[in-house]
Amino acid sequence: MNFMTERRHSRLRGLGPALIGPVALLFSLWMPLPAVSQSFDVLIRGGTLIDGTGSAGRPADVGIRGDRIVAVGDLSRATADRVIEAAGLHVVPGFIDTHSHATWGLVQDDLRTAHALLAQGITTVLANPDGGGPSDLAEQRKILETPGVGVNVAPFVPHGGVRREVLGMQAREATPEELEKMRVLVRSGMDEGAFGLSSGLYYAPGSYAPTGEVAELAKIAGEYGGVYQSHIRDESDYTIGVVGAVDEVIDIARAAGVKGVVTHVKALGPRVWGASEDIVSHIEAARAEGLEIFADQYPYEASGTSITGALVPRWAQAGGGDALLARIEHPEDRARLVADMWENLDRRGGAERLVLQDGEYRGKTLAEVAEDRGTDAVETALTILKQGGTGLTSFNMEDADIHRFMTQPWMMTSSDGVLGRLGEGHPHPRDFGSFPRRIRKYVVEEGVGTLEGAIRSMTGLPAEVYEIADRGFLAEGHLADVVVFDLKRFRDVATYEDPHHFSEGVEYALVNGMLAIDEGRFTDALAGLVLRKGR
């Protein structure tokens, strides 16, 4: 019953039983009422609303009280403590980043306000992806909530963190007793409100786990309605191949009875360019079978990882960092390691496609550093590893694959970004520009999909997939995560050559009803929450 109908019915109750029945019904429909002017804490007026469903944008106002959207529509007669005039601007749900490494920054006092995220329109991040992160989610929650964060955080239970807690970096199957210990840790994380299980089967120690182990742990997440999200075992032709690795996600989802998400999906390196066609076909077949399979994608042709992740084979990482350094010095192990690293370098298209992110050579390619040092690329990489390693920006994707993935109705948008400091290192520009780039480069400039479809991939779809309660849509009763941006100005400024720039074009951003960006300026509000699934 809406507000006006309730008022009419309350009048009828006061008139007594004589009017009960048909006459009362006619009276309630015909009795004119004086216009009532609603009042809100915040009123966003005159903008073009894109609500997250994929429907076309439309003129509509948004009224907010406290942390909730309480009215959407023509609110021209309403009043508010704060009126935001949004004429010429787009009003959308706050963006949900389904794959974010931002928690590293969100626990740093100078980064908690999450400026780099808010400038992209991001108001919620899914944390602990790739199987990475702590096994103790209660402790992580405590650190994030004290004194608070600028965006909402929805954590995963990280398979790699759980496995490391029980088995360390041992390259073997778990015993039944060890598997049970992992089950207990996963259940504890789900009890803490996690949104599912994440895995990084490409990385150590996740790569040491057989499919059955992961499926058993995904079943625990499934008991809570959680999702299984995976950095798949192979994005190229390292082991089982990229298509086989997508099939593994499908197999785990089927065995565990959960939704499966292939996170930051790609066809990595020239050897597998064009594999997007088979990947899409296999996911479509699984969905036709009745399985709920999805994917997310960041809108760049370069990926980001560490020099270890890109080039060092997993057998050499067994036992941890000290064991790897010992193998580098052991003649037989070193010979095998060097051969495998050359193969891995070829998979990624060569040393000229790898840009170092840290250290004295940051911003240079591995090929350039090797030339400067007078050694070959692999010997240079081994030296860098002994000095502590570095992050890499790896140019390894093809436009045709990017476009084919991007236009699928089950594709969400992510960043895979790290919440870093401006001026620190030479990061991948996705840290600062993923979501505006998805709209500016692909929708506006290249016509890949529609604006409404792109917004859905960032809002309503991830909210549905991960069951993030009352977020992802602009609708009455939903939480007031709202972004107002100028489409003419909304763009990523960070580039591969010069990544240290916030995105532009967000005029207002509200997190749980509080203004985090106001007239284009950060307020430094710590309005974010560490979310619990179902609450």
Protein backbone atom coordinates (compact mmCIF):
# COMPACT_ATOMS: atom_id res chain seq x y z
CA MET A 1 0.00 0.00 0.00
CA ASN A 2 1.47 3.35 -0.96
CA PHE A 3 1.44 6.52 1.11
CA MET A 4 -1.60 8.14 -0.55
CA THR A 5 -3.73 5.00 -0.40
CA GLU A 6 -2.90 4.56 3.29
CA ARG A 7 -4.14 8.08 3.99
CA ARG A 8 -7.42 7.41 2.20
CA HIS A 9 -7.95 4.16 4.11
CA SER A 10 -7.23 5.82 7.43
CA ARG A 11 -9.95 8.41 6.67
CA LEU A 12 -12.46 5.65 5.94
CA ARG A 13 -11.71 3.88 9.21
CA GLY A 14 -12.56 7.11 11.02
CA LEU A 15 -16.00 7.34 9.34
CA GLY A 16 -17.26 4.13 10.93
CA PRO A 17 -18.90 0.98 9.57
CA ALA A 18 -21.63 2.72 7.57
CA LEU A 19 -19.30 3.32 4.64
CA ILE A 20 -17.78 -0.12 4.56
CA GLY A 21 -18.35 -1.89 1.24
CA PRO A 22 -18.85 -0.58 -2.31
CA VAL A 23 -19.59 2.95 -1.22
CA ALA A 24 -16.40 3.06 0.79
CA LEU A 25 -14.44 1.78 -2.17
CA LEU A 26 -15.89 4.48 -4.46
CA PHE A 27 -15.22 7.12 -1.83
CA SER A 28 -11.61 6.05 -1.47
CA LEU A 29 -11.07 6.29 -5.21
CA TRP A 30 -12.87 9.59 -5.80
CA MET A 31 -12.14 11.60 -2.67
CA PRO A 32 -9.66 14.32 -3.70
CA LEU A 33 -6.68 14.84 -1.42
CA PRO A 34 -4.50 17.90 -1.11
CA ALA A 35 -1.10 17.57 -2.77
CA VAL A 36 1.54 16.48 -0.28
CA SER A 37 5.08 17.78 -0.69
CA GLN A 38 7.61 15.10 0.28
CA SER A 39 10.81 15.95 2.09
CA PHE A 40 14.17 14.20 1.83
CA ASP A 41 17.67 14.45 3.18
CA VAL A 42 19.07 14.45 -0.36
CA LEU A 43 17.17 15.03 -3.60
CA ILE A 44 18.85 14.38 -6.94
CA ARG A 45 16.74 16.25 -9.45
CA GLY A 46 16.58 16.57 -13.23
CA GLY A 47 19.08 13.90 -14.28
CA THR A 48 18.90 11.00 -16.73
CA LEU A 49 18.45 7.90 -14.61
CA ILE A 50 19.93 4.54 -15.67
CA ASP A 51 18.66 2.16 -13.02
CA GLY A 52 20.93 -0.90 -13.41
CA THR A 53 18.36 -3.20 -15.00
CA GLY A 54 19.59 -2.61 -18.54
CA SER A 55 16.50 -0.54 -19.37
CA ALA A 56 16.86 2.67 -21.32
CA GLY A 57 17.75 5.82 -19.44
CA ARG A 58 14.84 8.07 -18.49
CA PRO A 59 14.25 11.40 -16.76
CA ALA A 60 13.68 10.79 -13.07
CA ASP A 61 14.47 12.25 -9.68
CA VAL A 62 15.85 10.32 -6.68
CA GLY A 63 14.88 11.03 -3.08
CA ILE A 64 17.07 9.77 -0.24
CA ARG A 65 16.47 9.59 3.51
CA GLY A 66 19.23 8.30 5.71
CA ASP A 67 20.99 5.49 3.88
CA ARG A 68 18.05 4.52 1.65
CA ILE A 69 16.47 5.53 -1.62
CA VAL A 70 12.85 6.19 -0.68
CA ALA A 71 11.43 7.65 -3.90
CA VAL A 72 12.19 7.55 -7.63
CA GLY A 73 10.18 9.47 -10.19
CA ASP A 74 8.80 12.99 -10.59
CA LEU A 75 9.73 14.70 -7.35
CA SER A 76 9.59 18.24 -8.69
CA ARG A 77 7.43 19.42 -5.76
CA ALA A 78 9.60 17.80 -3.10
CA THR A 79 11.96 19.56 -0.74
CA ALA A 80 15.24 18.39 0.75
CA ASP A 81 18.01 19.40 3.06
CA ARG A 82 20.32 19.10 0.06
CA VAL A 83 19.19 19.37 -3.55
CA ILE A 84 21.54 18.19 -6.29
CA GLU A 85 20.66 19.65 -9.65
CA ALA A 86 21.55 16.91 -12.14
CA ALA A 87 20.29 18.37 -15.41
CA GLY A 88 22.57 17.22 -18.21
CA LEU A 89 24.07 14.49 -15.99
CA HIS A 90 23.55 10.73 -15.66
CA VAL A 91 22.39 9.23 -12.37
CA VAL A 92 23.37 5.57 -11.87
CA PRO A 93 23.81 3.01 -9.11
CA GLY A 94 27.25 2.97 -7.52
CA PHE A 95 29.54 0.66 -9.47
CA ILE A 96 30.43 -2.76 -8.05
CA ASP A 97 33.97 -3.95 -8.80
CA THR A 98 33.76 -7.74 -8.85
CA HIS A 99 37.53 -8.27 -8.69
CA SER A 100 39.52 -5.82 -6.58
CA HIS A 101 42.81 -5.93 -4.68
CA ALA A 102 41.93 -2.65 -2.95
CA THR A 103 41.99 -4.01 0.60
CA TRP A 104 45.76 -3.59 0.69
CA GLY A 105 45.19 0.15 0.40
CA LEU A 106 41.98 0.37 2.40
CA VAL A 107 43.84 -0.63 5.57
CA GLN A 108 46.38 2.20 5.06
CA ASP A 109 45.40 5.37 6.88
CA ASP A 110 46.10 7.64 3.91
CA LEU A 111 44.18 5.47 1.42
CA ARG A 112 41.05 4.52 3.40
CA THR A 113 39.07 7.28 1.72
CA ALA A 114 39.44 5.33 -1.55
CA HIS A 115 39.72 8.35 -3.84
CA ALA A 116 40.98 6.32 -6.81
CA LEU A 117 37.90 4.09 -6.60
CA LEU A 118 35.32 6.80 -6.03
CA ALA A 119 36.68 8.82 -8.95
CA GLN A 120 35.74 5.85 -11.15
CA GLY A 121 32.24 5.65 -9.65
CA ILE A 122 33.06 2.52 -7.63
CA THR A 123 31.20 2.28 -4.32
CA THR A 124 31.56 -1.46 -3.59
CA VAL A 125 34.47 -3.88 -4.12
CA LEU A 126 34.56 -7.67 -4.00
CA ALA A 127 37.71 -8.40 -1.99
CA ASN A 128 40.18 -11.29 -1.64
CA PRO A 129 40.06 -12.43 -5.29
CA ASP A 130 42.45 -14.90 -6.96
CA GLY A 131 42.37 -17.03 -3.81
CA GLY A 132 44.49 -14.39 -2.09
CA GLY A 133 43.93 -12.79 1.27
CA PRO A 134 43.69 -13.81 4.91
CA SER A 135 41.96 -16.95 6.09
CA ASP A 136 40.68 -15.03 9.15
CA LEU A 137 37.94 -12.78 7.79
CA ALA A 138 36.89 -11.61 11.26
CA GLU A 139 40.29 -10.04 11.75
CA GLN A 140 40.21 -8.50 8.28
CA ARG A 141 36.79 -7.01 9.04
CA LYS A 142 38.08 -5.51 12.29
CA ILE A 143 41.03 -3.84 10.55
CA LEU A 144 38.85 -2.43 7.78
CA GLU A 145 36.16 -1.14 10.10
CA THR A 146 38.59 0.67 12.41
CA PRO A 147 38.24 3.55 11.75
CA GLY A 148 36.35 2.80 8.52
CA VAL A 149 36.62 2.82 4.74
CA GLY A 150 35.39 5.01 1.91
CA VAL A 151 33.65 2.24 -0.05
CA ASN A 152 31.79 -0.96 0.76
CA VAL A 153 33.82 -4.17 0.94
CA ALA A 154 32.29 -7.59 0.18
CA PRO A 155 34.86 -10.28 1.04
CA PHE A 156 35.48 -13.73 -0.41
CA VAL A 157 36.96 -16.65 1.46
CA PRO A 158 40.30 -17.06 -0.37
CA HIS A 159 41.12 -20.65 -1.27
CA GLY A 160 44.84 -19.91 -1.54
CA GLY A 161 44.89 -18.26 1.89
CA VAL A 162 43.05 -21.22 3.39
CA ARG A 163 45.36 -23.76 1.73
CA ARG A 164 48.46 -21.87 2.80
CA GLU A 165 47.17 -21.83 6.38
CA VAL A 166 46.85 -25.65 6.39
CA LEU A 167 49.55 -26.88 3.96
CA GLY A 168 51.87 -23.93 3.51
CA MET A 169 53.42 -24.00 0.03
CA GLN A 170 53.53 -27.78 -0.30
CA ALA A 171 52.95 -29.00 -3.85
CA ARG A 172 50.75 -31.99 -3.09
CA GLU A 173 47.17 -33.08 -2.51
CA ALA A 174 45.68 -32.52 0.91
CA THR A 175 45.12 -35.48 3.20
CA PRO A 176 41.54 -36.11 4.38
CA GLU A 177 42.45 -34.50 7.71
CA GLU A 178 43.91 -31.44 6.00
CA LEU A 179 40.89 -31.13 3.74
CA GLU A 180 38.65 -31.15 6.78
CA LYS A 181 40.71 -28.35 8.34
CA MET A 182 40.21 -26.34 5.16
CA ARG A 183 36.48 -27.01 5.28
CA VAL A 184 36.39 -25.58 8.81
CA LEU A 185 38.19 -22.42 7.70
CA VAL A 186 35.88 -21.95 4.72
CA ARG A 187 32.83 -22.42 6.91
CA SER A 188 34.19 -19.91 9.40
CA GLY A 189 34.62 -17.36 6.62
CA MET A 190 31.13 -17.97 5.31
CA ASP A 191 29.77 -17.61 8.84
CA GLU A 192 31.54 -14.25 8.93
CA GLY A 193 29.44 -13.15 5.93
CA ALA A 194 31.66 -13.94 2.93
CA PHE A 195 30.04 -13.84 -0.51
CA GLY A 196 31.68 -17.01 -1.77
CA LEU A 197 34.95 -18.80 -2.39
CA SER A 198 37.64 -17.33 -4.62
CA SER A 199 40.46 -19.34 -6.11
CA GLY A 200 43.66 -18.60 -7.99
CA LEU A 201 44.43 -21.96 -9.55
CA TYR A 202 47.00 -20.33 -11.83
CA TYR A 203 49.04 -19.21 -8.81
CA ALA A 204 50.86 -21.13 -6.09
CA PRO A 205 49.64 -22.58 -3.77
CA GLY A 206 46.23 -22.80 -5.47
CA SER A 207 47.80 -24.46 -8.49
CA TYR A 208 48.81 -27.41 -6.32
CA ALA A 209 45.15 -28.21 -5.54
CA PRO A 210 43.30 -30.79 -7.65
CA THR A 211 39.84 -29.98 -8.96
CA GLY A 212 38.17 -32.22 -6.39
CA GLU A 213 39.62 -30.30 -3.45
CA VAL A 214 38.28 -27.01 -4.77
CA ALA A 215 34.86 -28.51 -5.47
CA GLU A 216 34.62 -29.84 -1.92
CA LEU A 217 35.35 -26.39 -0.50
CA ALA A 218 33.00 -24.71 -2.97
CA LYS A 219 30.23 -26.94 -1.61
CA ILE A 220 30.64 -25.26 1.77
CA ALA A 221 30.25 -21.85 0.17
CA GLY A 222 27.22 -23.17 -1.70
CA GLU A 223 25.49 -24.08 1.56
CA TYR A 224 25.37 -20.34 2.26
CA GLY A 225 24.32 -19.37 -1.24
CA GLY A 226 27.87 -18.28 -2.02
CA VAL A 227 29.51 -18.03 -5.44
CA TYR A 228 32.67 -19.73 -6.73
CA GLN A 229 34.92 -17.19 -8.49
CA SER A 230 38.16 -18.32 -10.10
CA HIS A 231 41.31 -16.95 -11.62
CA ILE A 232 41.37 -20.01 -13.81
CA ARG A 233 44.18 -22.54 -13.84
CA ASP A 234 45.41 -21.54 -17.28
CA GLU A 235 44.69 -18.41 -19.34
CA SER A 236 47.00 -19.50 -22.17
CA ASP A 237 48.54 -22.93 -22.83
CA TYR A 238 50.63 -23.33 -19.68
CA THR A 239 48.97 -26.56 -18.50
CA ILE A 240 45.40 -27.58 -19.39
CA GLY A 241 44.81 -24.66 -21.76
CA VAL A 242 42.48 -21.71 -21.38
CA VAL A 243 39.38 -23.53 -22.67
CA GLY A 244 40.08 -26.50 -20.41
CA ALA A 245 40.48 -24.13 -17.46
CA VAL A 246 37.09 -22.54 -18.18
CA ASP A 247 35.64 -26.04 -18.31
CA GLU A 248 37.13 -26.68 -14.86
CA VAL A 249 35.13 -23.76 -13.45
CA ILE A 250 32.02 -25.21 -15.04
CA ASP A 251 32.80 -28.67 -13.61
CA ILE A 252 33.32 -27.25 -10.11
CA ALA A 253 30.09 -25.24 -10.30
CA ARG A 254 28.21 -28.36 -11.40
CA ALA A 255 29.74 -30.58 -8.71
CA ALA A 256 29.29 -28.04 -5.91
CA GLY A 257 25.88 -26.74 -6.97
CA VAL A 258 27.03 -23.12 -7.02
CA LYS A 259 27.26 -20.21 -9.41
CA GLY A 260 30.60 -20.14 -11.20
CA VAL A 261 32.46 -17.01 -12.30
CA VAL A 262 35.47 -16.93 -14.62
CA THR A 263 37.12 -13.81 -13.32
CA HIS A 264 39.03 -11.30 -15.51
CA VAL A 265 38.48 -13.60 -18.47
CA LYS A 266 41.00 -13.34 -21.29
CA ALA A 267 42.87 -15.23 -24.00
CA LEU A 268 46.44 -14.56 -22.91
CA GLY A 269 49.14 -14.45 -25.56
CA PRO A 270 49.37 -14.99 -29.31
CA ARG A 271 49.21 -18.77 -28.99
CA VAL A 272 45.57 -18.63 -27.85
CA TRP A 273 44.24 -15.50 -29.54
CA GLY A 274 40.82 -16.30 -30.92
CA ALA A 275 40.00 -18.74 -28.10
CA SER A 276 37.22 -16.39 -26.96
CA GLU A 277 34.94 -18.03 -29.50
CA ASP A 278 35.30 -21.45 -27.87
CA ILE A 279 35.14 -20.00 -24.36
CA VAL A 280 31.86 -18.24 -25.09
CA SER A 281 30.50 -21.39 -26.71
CA HIS A 282 31.37 -23.54 -23.68
CA ILE A 283 29.85 -21.06 -21.22
CA GLU A 284 26.70 -20.80 -23.32
CA ALA A 285 26.40 -24.59 -23.40
CA ALA A 286 26.74 -24.75 -19.62
CA ARG A 287 24.09 -22.08 -19.19
CA ALA A 288 21.79 -23.96 -21.55
CA GLU A 289 22.28 -26.97 -19.28
CA GLY A 290 20.91 -24.88 -16.43
CA LEU A 291 24.17 -23.95 -14.74
CA GLU A 292 24.67 -20.36 -13.61
CA ILE A 293 28.01 -19.45 -15.18
CA PHE A 294 29.22 -15.86 -15.49
CA ALA A 295 32.43 -13.95 -16.11
CA ASP A 296 33.97 -10.56 -15.49
CA GLN A 297 36.47 -8.55 -17.50
CA TYR A 298 38.64 -5.47 -17.19
CA PRO A 299 38.70 -3.25 -20.29
CA TYR A 300 42.41 -3.35 -21.20
CA GLU A 301 44.60 -5.25 -23.64
CA ALA A 302 47.31 -5.64 -20.99
CA SER A 303 47.09 -7.74 -17.87
CA GLY A 304 49.00 -7.24 -14.65
CA THR A 305 50.83 -9.72 -12.48
CA SER A 306 54.21 -10.25 -10.83
CA ILE A 307 57.37 -11.34 -12.59
CA THR A 308 57.02 -14.55 -10.58
CA GLY A 309 53.45 -15.10 -11.68
CA ALA A 310 54.25 -14.42 -15.32
CA LEU A 311 57.49 -16.32 -15.81
CA VAL A 312 58.35 -18.69 -12.97
CA PRO A 313 56.91 -22.23 -13.28
CA ARG A 314 54.89 -23.44 -10.32
CA TRP A 315 57.18 -26.40 -9.55
CA ALA A 316 59.95 -23.90 -8.78
CA GLN A 317 57.75 -22.05 -6.25
CA ALA A 318 56.99 -25.11 -4.12
CA GLY A 319 58.17 -24.48 -0.58
CA GLY A 320 58.04 -20.68 -0.87
CA GLY A 321 60.43 -17.86 -1.68
CA ASP A 322 63.54 -19.25 -0.03
CA ALA A 323 63.12 -22.54 -1.88
CA LEU A 324 62.84 -20.65 -5.18
CA LEU A 325 66.03 -18.71 -4.49
CA ALA A 326 67.83 -21.96 -3.68
CA ARG A 327 66.69 -23.47 -6.99
CA ILE A 328 68.01 -20.44 -8.86
CA GLU A 329 71.47 -21.23 -7.47
CA HIS A 330 71.28 -25.01 -7.98
CA PRO A 331 72.83 -25.86 -11.40
CA GLU A 332 70.35 -28.55 -12.49
CA ASP A 333 67.29 -26.74 -11.14
CA ARG A 334 68.49 -23.49 -12.69
CA ALA A 335 68.86 -25.08 -16.13
CA ARG A 336 65.32 -26.44 -15.97
CA LEU A 337 64.02 -23.13 -14.60
CA VAL A 338 65.68 -21.10 -17.36
CA ALA A 339 64.21 -23.33 -20.07
CA ASP A 340 60.71 -23.04 -18.60
CA MET A 341 61.03 -19.27 -18.22
CA TRP A 342 61.95 -18.87 -21.90
CA GLU A 343 58.84 -20.88 -22.78
CA ASN A 344 56.68 -18.71 -20.52
CA LEU A 345 58.18 -15.57 -21.99
CA ASP A 346 57.24 -16.77 -25.47
CA ARG A 347 53.67 -17.43 -24.31
CA ARG A 348 53.36 -13.76 -23.40
CA GLY A 349 54.75 -12.56 -26.72
CA GLY A 350 58.32 -11.76 -25.69
CA ALA A 351 60.24 -9.46 -23.35
CA GLU A 352 59.23 -6.31 -25.22
CA ARG A 353 55.62 -6.89 -24.07
CA LEU A 354 56.45 -6.88 -20.33
CA VAL A 355 56.71 -3.52 -18.54
CA LEU A 356 58.26 -3.42 -15.07
CA GLN A 357 56.20 -1.68 -12.38
CA ASP A 358 58.70 -1.30 -9.53
CA GLY A 359 62.33 -0.54 -8.81
CA GLU A 360 64.90 1.51 -10.67
CA TYR A 361 63.69 0.26 -14.07
CA ARG A 362 59.98 0.91 -13.55
CA GLY A 363 58.24 1.94 -16.74
CA LYS A 364 60.76 0.12 -18.95
CA THR A 365 60.20 -3.15 -20.75
CA LEU A 366 62.06 -6.27 -19.72
CA ALA A 367 63.73 -6.16 -23.14
CA GLU A 368 64.98 -2.61 -22.51
CA VAL A 369 66.29 -3.51 -19.06
CA ALA A 370 68.08 -6.57 -20.47
CA GLU A 371 69.72 -4.40 -23.11
CA ASP A 372 70.78 -1.86 -20.47
CA ARG A 373 72.31 -4.62 -18.34
CA GLY A 374 73.91 -6.47 -21.23
CA THR A 375 72.24 -9.78 -20.40
CA ASP A 376 69.39 -11.76 -21.93
CA ALA A 377 65.80 -11.39 -20.80
CA VAL A 378 65.63 -14.48 -18.60
CA GLU A 379 68.94 -13.79 -16.83
CA THR A 380 67.70 -10.26 -16.22
CA ALA A 381 64.44 -11.63 -14.80
CA LEU A 382 66.37 -13.96 -12.47
CA THR A 383 68.43 -11.06 -11.20
CA ILE A 384 65.28 -9.05 -10.52
CA LEU A 385 63.78 -12.02 -8.69
CA LYS A 386 66.83 -12.27 -6.43
CA GLN A 387 66.45 -8.54 -5.72
CA GLY A 388 62.87 -9.02 -4.54
CA GLY A 389 60.85 -9.16 -7.76
CA THR A 390 58.54 -6.65 -9.41
CA GLY A 391 55.05 -6.26 -10.75
CA LEU A 392 54.57 -6.48 -14.51
CA THR A 393 52.18 -4.97 -17.01
CA SER A 394 51.86 -7.66 -19.68
CA PHE A 395 50.53 -6.75 -23.13
CA ASN A 396 48.97 -10.02 -24.23
CA MET A 397 45.37 -9.60 -25.44
CA GLU A 398 43.74 -9.05 -28.82
CA ASP A 399 40.88 -6.64 -29.56
CA ALA A 400 38.64 -9.25 -31.20
CA ASP A 401 38.69 -11.37 -28.04
CA ILE A 402 38.12 -8.35 -25.80
CA HIS A 403 35.10 -7.26 -27.84
CA ARG A 404 33.59 -10.75 -28.06
CA PHE A 405 33.76 -11.20 -24.30
CA MET A 406 32.52 -7.69 -23.57
CA THR A 407 29.26 -8.05 -25.48
CA GLN A 408 28.04 -11.16 -23.64
CA PRO A 409 24.96 -10.61 -21.44
CA TRP A 410 26.60 -12.61 -18.61
CA MET A 411 29.74 -10.44 -18.55
CA MET A 412 30.41 -8.17 -15.57
CA THR A 413 33.00 -5.40 -15.30
CA SER A 414 35.97 -5.50 -12.94
CA SER A 415 39.29 -3.73 -12.46
CA ASP A 416 41.72 -6.26 -10.92
CA GLY A 417 43.14 -3.03 -9.56
CA VAL A 418 45.27 -2.21 -6.55
CA LEU A 419 44.46 0.89 -4.50
CA GLY A 420 47.88 2.49 -4.77
CA ARG A 421 49.28 5.94 -4.17
CA LEU A 422 49.65 8.53 -6.88
CA GLY A 423 53.30 8.77 -7.88
CA GLU A 424 54.30 5.41 -6.43
CA GLY A 425 55.84 2.90 -8.86
CA HIS A 426 54.57 2.48 -12.41
CA PRO A 427 51.25 0.67 -11.95
CA HIS A 428 48.80 -0.68 -14.47
CA PRO A 429 46.38 2.16 -15.37
CA ARG A 430 43.45 -0.09 -14.43
CA ASP A 431 44.10 0.95 -10.81
CA PHE A 432 42.74 4.38 -11.69
CA GLY A 433 40.65 4.05 -14.86
CA SER A 434 38.86 0.74 -15.45
CA PHE A 435 35.21 1.72 -15.14
CA PRO A 436 35.32 5.05 -17.01
CA ARG A 437 37.40 3.35 -19.73
CA ARG A 438 34.71 0.72 -20.19
CA ILE A 439 32.27 3.53 -20.98
CA ARG A 440 34.49 6.08 -22.71
CA LYS A 441 36.64 3.90 -24.97
CA TYR A 442 34.32 1.01 -25.64
CA VAL A 443 30.79 2.43 -25.53
CA VAL A 444 31.22 6.07 -26.54
CA GLU A 445 34.19 5.86 -28.90
CA GLU A 446 34.01 2.33 -30.34
CA GLY A 447 30.30 1.55 -30.01
CA VAL A 448 30.85 -1.79 -28.25
CA GLY A 449 27.48 -2.36 -26.60
CA THR A 450 25.18 0.25 -25.10
CA LEU A 451 25.58 2.59 -22.18
CA GLU A 452 22.71 0.90 -20.36
CA GLY A 453 24.30 -2.52 -20.92
CA ALA A 454 27.65 -1.31 -19.65
CA ILE A 455 26.03 0.18 -16.54
CA ARG A 456 24.20 -3.10 -15.91
CA SER A 457 27.51 -5.00 -16.13
CA MET A 458 28.81 -2.74 -13.35
CA THR A 459 25.75 -2.62 -11.10
CA GLY A 460 22.62 -4.76 -11.34
CA LEU A 461 24.25 -7.87 -12.78
CA PRO A 462 26.97 -8.23 -10.12
CA ALA A 463 24.43 -7.43 -7.40
CA GLU A 464 22.28 -10.31 -8.70
CA VAL A 465 25.15 -12.76 -9.24
CA TYR A 466 26.68 -12.23 -5.80
CA GLU A 467 23.35 -11.52 -4.08
CA ILE A 468 24.52 -8.21 -2.64
CA ALA A 469 21.40 -7.15 -0.81
CA ASP A 470 19.69 -3.88 -1.76
CA ARG A 471 22.49 -2.61 -3.99
CA GLY A 472 23.11 -2.39 -7.72
CA PHE A 473 19.81 -0.73 -8.64
CA LEU A 474 18.19 2.68 -8.30
CA ALA A 475 14.90 1.64 -6.77
CA GLU A 476 12.82 2.51 -3.73
CA GLY A 477 14.04 0.69 -0.64
CA HIS A 478 17.56 0.13 -1.96
CA LEU A 479 20.62 1.48 -0.22
CA ALA A 480 21.74 4.85 -1.47
CA ASP A 481 24.94 4.03 -3.34
CA VAL A 482 24.48 6.56 -6.15
CA VAL A 483 26.81 8.14 -8.69
CA VAL A 484 26.11 11.24 -10.78
CA PHE A 485 28.49 11.76 -13.70
CA ASP A 486 28.88 13.95 -16.74
CA LEU A 487 29.04 11.61 -19.73
CA LYS A 488 30.84 14.26 -21.79
CA ARG A 489 33.66 14.36 -19.23
CA PHE A 490 33.60 10.84 -17.79
CA ARG A 491 36.89 9.32 -18.86
CA ASP A 492 40.00 7.50 -17.72
CA VAL A 493 43.04 9.78 -17.63
CA ALA A 494 45.60 7.17 -16.54
CA THR A 495 47.60 5.72 -19.43
CA TYR A 496 50.20 2.98 -19.71
CA GLU A 497 52.90 5.62 -20.10
CA ASP A 498 51.58 7.96 -17.39
CA PRO A 499 49.30 6.01 -15.04
CA HIS A 500 49.19 8.38 -12.07
CA HIS A 501 45.92 10.19 -12.67
CA PHE A 502 42.45 9.90 -11.17
CA SER A 503 39.56 9.54 -13.58
CA GLU A 504 37.37 12.54 -14.35
CA GLY A 505 33.67 13.26 -14.69
CA VAL A 506 32.09 12.06 -11.42
CA GLU A 507 30.29 15.08 -9.99
CA TYR A 508 28.64 13.36 -7.02
CA ALA A 509 29.03 9.98 -5.33
CA LEU A 510 27.01 8.78 -2.37
CA VAL A 511 27.95 5.75 -0.30
CA ASN A 512 25.19 4.56 2.01
CA GLY A 513 23.52 7.95 1.64
CA MET A 514 26.59 10.02 2.51
CA LEU A 515 28.31 12.26 -0.03
CA ALA A 516 31.80 10.97 -0.79
CA ILE A 517 32.21 13.26 -3.82
CA ASP A 518 30.39 16.58 -3.75
CA GLU A 519 30.54 18.93 -6.74
CA GLY A 520 33.55 17.02 -8.04
CA ARG A 521 35.50 17.21 -4.77
CA PHE A 522 36.25 14.41 -2.33
CA THR A 523 34.68 14.79 1.11
CA ASP A 524 36.89 12.10 2.73
CA ALA A 525 33.82 10.48 4.28
CA LEU A 526 34.38 6.95 5.57
CA ALA A 527 30.84 5.82 4.78
CA GLY A 528 31.63 2.33 3.49
CA LEU A 529 30.72 -0.90 5.26
CA VAL A 530 32.23 -4.37 5.36
CA LEU A 531 29.20 -6.22 4.03
CA ARG A 532 27.80 -9.55 5.17
CA LYS A 533 26.03 -11.73 2.65
CA GLY A 534 22.27 -11.61 3.05
CA ARG A 535 22.32 -8.59 5.35
